[in-house]
Amino acid sequence: MNKGNLTRKELAEALTSQLGYSQSSCSELIDTFLDRMKDKLLNGESIKFVHFGTFNVRKKQPRRGRNPRTGESITIKSRQMISFRPSKKMRDQIND
């Protein structure tokens, strides 16, 4: 695997090498997993992976901002965003 972004293809290759299933089966497995995650988040539900972390959908309130190019003051609309909070175990591993 490269040192950049982790891609679906790289995940499928890792599953193929560890589990011995075909590349297409592993790709389908990953797509199903990610689709299920997306459906949960679109419904406003959180996703918790023990010893890894939690994905939540948060609502951000409208606020004042400015266009950095022109300096013009603008209102940033309210929106929803996905946030990730790592578990304590994951935080400890990252900080060691």
N, C-alpha and C. Protein backbone atom coordinates (compact mmCIF):
# COMPACT_ATOMS: atom_id res chain seq x y z
N MET A 1 0.84 -1.19 0.00
CA MET A 1 0.00 0.00 0.00
C MET A 1 0.88 1.24 0.00
N ASN A 2 0.37 2.30 -0.63
CA ASN A 2 1.15 3.54 -0.68
C ASN A 2 0.97 4.34 0.60
N LYS A 3 1.72 5.42 0.71
CA LYS A 3 1.67 6.23 1.93
C LYS A 3 0.63 7.34 1.85
N GLY A 4 -0.11 7.43 0.74
CA GLY A 4 -1.13 8.46 0.56
C GLY A 4 -2.47 8.00 1.09
N ASN A 5 -3.50 8.28 0.35
CA ASN A 5 -4.85 7.90 0.74
C ASN A 5 -5.06 6.40 0.62
N LEU A 6 -5.90 5.88 1.49
CA LEU A 6 -6.27 4.47 1.43
C LEU A 6 -7.48 4.36 0.50
N THR A 7 -7.38 3.58 -0.55
CA THR A 7 -8.45 3.47 -1.53
C THR A 7 -9.24 2.18 -1.36
N ARG A 8 -10.41 2.13 -2.01
CA ARG A 8 -11.22 0.92 -1.98
C ARG A 8 -10.44 -0.25 -2.57
N LYS A 9 -9.72 0.03 -3.64
CA LYS A 9 -8.94 -1.02 -4.30
C LYS A 9 -7.90 -1.61 -3.35
N GLU A 10 -7.22 -0.74 -2.61
CA GLU A 10 -6.21 -1.22 -1.65
C GLU A 10 -6.85 -2.04 -0.53
N LEU A 11 -8.04 -1.62 -0.07
CA LEU A 11 -8.75 -2.40 0.95
C LEU A 11 -9.13 -3.77 0.40
N ALA A 12 -9.62 -3.79 -0.84
CA ALA A 12 -10.00 -5.07 -1.46
C ALA A 12 -8.79 -5.98 -1.62
N GLU A 13 -7.65 -5.40 -2.01
CA GLU A 13 -6.43 -6.20 -2.15
C GLU A 13 -5.98 -6.77 -0.81
N ALA A 14 -6.09 -5.98 0.25
CA ALA A 14 -5.71 -6.45 1.58
C ALA A 14 -6.61 -7.59 2.03
N LEU A 15 -7.92 -7.45 1.80
CA LEU A 15 -8.85 -8.53 2.16
C LEU A 15 -8.57 -9.78 1.33
N THR A 16 -8.30 -9.60 0.05
CA THR A 16 -8.00 -10.73 -0.82
C THR A 16 -6.79 -11.50 -0.32
N SER A 17 -5.74 -10.78 0.05
CA SER A 17 -4.52 -11.46 0.50
C SER A 17 -4.70 -12.12 1.87
N GLN A 18 -5.51 -11.52 2.75
CA GLN A 18 -5.66 -12.10 4.09
C GLN A 18 -6.72 -13.19 4.16
N LEU A 19 -7.81 -13.02 3.38
CA LEU A 19 -8.91 -13.99 3.48
C LEU A 19 -8.93 -15.01 2.35
N GLY A 20 -8.27 -14.70 1.25
CA GLY A 20 -8.22 -15.63 0.14
C GLY A 20 -9.43 -15.61 -0.77
N TYR A 21 -10.34 -14.65 -0.59
CA TYR A 21 -11.49 -14.53 -1.48
C TYR A 21 -11.06 -13.83 -2.76
N SER A 22 -11.93 -13.86 -3.77
CA SER A 22 -11.61 -13.20 -5.04
C SER A 22 -11.63 -11.69 -4.87
N GLN A 23 -10.92 -11.02 -5.75
CA GLN A 23 -10.84 -9.56 -5.72
C GLN A 23 -12.24 -8.94 -5.88
N SER A 24 -13.06 -9.51 -6.76
CA SER A 24 -14.40 -8.96 -6.99
C SER A 24 -15.29 -9.14 -5.76
N SER A 25 -15.17 -10.27 -5.09
CA SER A 25 -15.96 -10.51 -3.87
C SER A 25 -15.56 -9.52 -2.78
N CYS A 26 -14.27 -9.28 -2.64
CA CYS A 26 -13.79 -8.34 -1.62
C CYS A 26 -14.21 -6.91 -1.95
N SER A 27 -14.18 -6.55 -3.23
CA SER A 27 -14.62 -5.21 -3.64
C SER A 27 -16.10 -5.03 -3.33
N GLU A 28 -16.90 -6.07 -3.59
CA GLU A 28 -18.33 -6.02 -3.31
C GLU A 28 -18.58 -5.91 -1.80
N LEU A 29 -17.80 -6.62 -1.02
CA LEU A 29 -17.91 -6.57 0.44
C LEU A 29 -17.63 -5.15 0.96
N ILE A 30 -16.59 -4.53 0.45
CA ILE A 30 -16.24 -3.18 0.88
C ILE A 30 -17.31 -2.18 0.45
N ASP A 31 -17.80 -2.31 -0.78
CA ASP A 31 -18.86 -1.42 -1.26
C ASP A 31 -20.12 -1.55 -0.41
N THR A 32 -20.48 -2.77 -0.05
CA THR A 32 -21.65 -3.01 0.79
C THR A 32 -21.46 -2.38 2.17
N PHE A 33 -20.28 -2.56 2.74
CA PHE A 33 -19.96 -1.98 4.04
C PHE A 33 -20.06 -0.46 4.01
N LEU A 34 -19.45 0.17 3.00
CA LEU A 34 -19.48 1.63 2.91
C LEU A 34 -20.87 2.16 2.61
N ASP A 35 -21.66 1.43 1.80
CA ASP A 35 -23.04 1.84 1.53
C ASP A 35 -23.88 1.79 2.80
N ARG A 36 -23.66 0.77 3.61
CA ARG A 36 -24.39 0.65 4.88
C ARG A 36 -24.03 1.80 5.82
N MET A 37 -22.74 2.14 5.87
CA MET A 37 -22.30 3.28 6.69
C MET A 37 -22.96 4.57 6.19
N LYS A 38 -22.95 4.77 4.89
CA LYS A 38 -23.52 5.98 4.31
C LYS A 38 -25.01 6.07 4.62
N ASP A 39 -25.75 4.95 4.50
CA ASP A 39 -27.18 4.95 4.80
C ASP A 39 -27.45 5.34 6.25
N LYS A 40 -26.66 4.79 7.17
CA LYS A 40 -26.83 5.12 8.59
C LYS A 40 -26.60 6.61 8.84
N LEU A 41 -25.52 7.15 8.26
CA LEU A 41 -25.21 8.57 8.47
C LEU A 41 -26.26 9.47 7.82
N LEU A 42 -26.77 9.09 6.65
CA LEU A 42 -27.81 9.88 6.00
C LEU A 42 -29.10 9.90 6.81
N ASN A 43 -29.33 8.85 7.60
CA ASN A 43 -30.50 8.80 8.48
C ASN A 43 -30.25 9.49 9.82
N GLY A 44 -29.07 10.08 9.98
CA GLY A 44 -28.75 10.81 11.21
C GLY A 44 -28.30 9.92 12.35
N GLU A 45 -28.03 8.67 12.09
CA GLU A 45 -27.60 7.75 13.14
C GLU A 45 -26.08 7.79 13.29
N SER A 46 -25.61 7.45 14.47
CA SER A 46 -24.17 7.39 14.67
C SER A 46 -23.68 5.96 14.44
N ILE A 47 -22.39 5.84 14.15
CA ILE A 47 -21.78 4.54 13.91
C ILE A 47 -20.62 4.40 14.88
N LYS A 48 -20.65 3.35 15.70
CA LYS A 48 -19.61 3.15 16.70
C LYS A 48 -18.85 1.87 16.42
N PHE A 49 -17.54 1.99 16.31
CA PHE A 49 -16.65 0.84 16.18
C PHE A 49 -15.83 0.76 17.46
N VAL A 50 -16.02 -0.31 18.21
CA VAL A 50 -15.32 -0.48 19.48
C VAL A 50 -13.81 -0.50 19.22
N HIS A 51 -13.07 0.18 20.07
CA HIS A 51 -11.61 0.33 20.00
C HIS A 51 -11.13 1.09 18.76
N PHE A 52 -12.05 1.73 18.05
CA PHE A 52 -11.66 2.54 16.89
C PHE A 52 -12.20 3.96 17.03
N GLY A 53 -13.53 4.12 17.08
CA GLY A 53 -14.10 5.44 17.25
C GLY A 53 -15.55 5.48 16.82
N THR A 54 -16.11 6.70 16.83
CA THR A 54 -17.52 6.91 16.51
C THR A 54 -17.67 7.99 15.46
N PHE A 55 -18.51 7.72 14.46
CA PHE A 55 -18.88 8.70 13.45
C PHE A 55 -20.25 9.25 13.83
N ASN A 56 -20.39 10.57 13.86
CA ASN A 56 -21.65 11.23 14.18
C ASN A 56 -21.99 12.25 13.11
N VAL A 57 -23.30 12.54 12.98
CA VAL A 57 -23.74 13.64 12.13
C VAL A 57 -24.07 14.78 13.08
N ARG A 58 -23.42 15.93 12.87
CA ARG A 58 -23.66 17.09 13.73
C ARG A 58 -24.27 18.21 12.90
N LYS A 59 -25.12 18.98 13.56
CA LYS A 59 -25.70 20.14 12.90
C LYS A 59 -24.90 21.37 13.31
N LYS A 60 -24.47 22.13 12.31
CA LYS A 60 -23.75 23.37 12.57
C LYS A 60 -24.69 24.54 12.34
N GLN A 61 -24.67 25.46 13.25
CA GLN A 61 -25.53 26.64 13.19
C GLN A 61 -24.98 27.63 12.16
N PRO A 62 -25.86 28.48 11.62
CA PRO A 62 -25.34 29.51 10.70
C PRO A 62 -24.44 30.48 11.46
N ARG A 63 -23.47 31.04 10.75
CA ARG A 63 -22.55 31.96 11.40
C ARG A 63 -22.04 32.97 10.38
N ARG A 64 -21.45 34.01 10.91
CA ARG A 64 -20.85 35.03 10.06
C ARG A 64 -19.44 34.60 9.68
N GLY A 65 -19.09 34.88 8.45
CA GLY A 65 -17.76 34.57 7.97
C GLY A 65 -17.36 35.63 6.97
N ARG A 66 -16.22 35.44 6.34
CA ARG A 66 -15.83 36.39 5.31
C ARG A 66 -15.12 35.68 4.18
N ASN A 67 -15.26 36.23 3.01
CA ASN A 67 -14.59 35.71 1.84
C ASN A 67 -13.12 36.12 1.95
N PRO A 68 -12.19 35.16 2.05
CA PRO A 68 -10.78 35.52 2.24
C PRO A 68 -10.18 36.26 1.04
N ARG A 69 -10.74 36.05 -0.14
CA ARG A 69 -10.22 36.68 -1.33
C ARG A 69 -10.61 38.16 -1.40
N THR A 70 -11.90 38.46 -1.06
CA THR A 70 -12.38 39.83 -1.18
C THR A 70 -12.52 40.54 0.15
N GLY A 71 -12.56 39.78 1.25
CA GLY A 71 -12.77 40.38 2.57
C GLY A 71 -14.24 40.67 2.84
N GLU A 72 -15.12 40.32 1.89
CA GLU A 72 -16.56 40.58 2.03
C GLU A 72 -17.15 39.71 3.13
N SER A 73 -18.00 40.28 3.97
CA SER A 73 -18.67 39.54 5.04
C SER A 73 -19.83 38.75 4.45
N ILE A 74 -19.94 37.48 4.84
CA ILE A 74 -21.01 36.63 4.34
C ILE A 74 -21.60 35.83 5.49
N THR A 75 -22.79 35.27 5.27
CA THR A 75 -23.41 34.37 6.24
C THR A 75 -23.22 32.95 5.74
N ILE A 76 -22.63 32.12 6.57
CA ILE A 76 -22.45 30.70 6.24
C ILE A 76 -23.70 29.98 6.73
N LYS A 77 -24.38 29.31 5.83
CA LYS A 77 -25.65 28.66 6.14
C LYS A 77 -25.49 27.52 7.14
N SER A 78 -26.61 27.18 7.80
CA SER A 78 -26.58 26.02 8.69
C SER A 78 -26.43 24.78 7.82
N ARG A 79 -25.76 23.80 8.35
CA ARG A 79 -25.51 22.59 7.59
C ARG A 79 -25.23 21.44 8.55
N GLN A 80 -25.20 20.26 7.98
CA GLN A 80 -24.84 19.09 8.76
C GLN A 80 -23.49 18.59 8.27
N MET A 81 -22.73 18.04 9.20
CA MET A 81 -21.42 17.52 8.84
C MET A 81 -21.17 16.23 9.61
N ILE A 82 -20.26 15.44 9.09
CA ILE A 82 -19.88 14.19 9.76
C ILE A 82 -18.64 14.46 10.58
N SER A 83 -18.67 14.02 11.82
CA SER A 83 -17.49 14.15 12.67
C SER A 83 -17.07 12.76 13.14
N PHE A 84 -15.80 12.63 13.43
CA PHE A 84 -15.25 11.37 13.92
C PHE A 84 -14.58 11.63 15.25
N ARG A 85 -14.89 10.82 16.23
CA ARG A 85 -14.25 10.92 17.53
C ARG A 85 -13.56 9.58 17.80
N PRO A 86 -12.24 9.60 17.83
CA PRO A 86 -11.53 8.33 18.06
C PRO A 86 -11.76 7.83 19.49
N SER A 87 -11.69 6.52 19.65
CA SER A 87 -11.82 5.93 20.98
C SER A 87 -10.58 6.25 21.80
N LYS A 88 -10.70 6.06 23.10
CA LYS A 88 -9.55 6.32 23.98
C LYS A 88 -8.37 5.41 23.60
N LYS A 89 -8.67 4.17 23.29
CA LYS A 89 -7.61 3.23 22.90
C LYS A 89 -6.91 3.71 21.63
N MET A 90 -7.66 4.20 20.65
CA MET A 90 -7.07 4.69 19.40
C MET A 90 -6.23 5.95 19.66
N ARG A 91 -6.75 6.86 20.49
CA ARG A 91 -6.00 8.07 20.83
C ARG A 91 -4.69 7.73 21.50
N ASP A 92 -4.75 6.76 22.43
CA ASP A 92 -3.52 6.35 23.12
C ASP A 92 -2.50 5.74 22.16
N GLN A 93 -2.98 4.94 21.21
CA GLN A 93 -2.07 4.33 20.24
C GLN A 93 -1.45 5.37 19.33
N ILE A 94 -2.21 6.37 18.93
CA ILE A 94 -1.69 7.42 18.06
C ILE A 94 -0.65 8.27 18.80
N ASN A 95 -0.89 8.51 20.08
CA ASN A 95 -0.01 9.39 20.85
C ASN A 95 1.21 8.68 21.44
N ASP A 96 1.31 7.36 21.30
CA ASP A 96 2.50 6.65 21.82
C ASP A 96 3.64 6.76 20.85
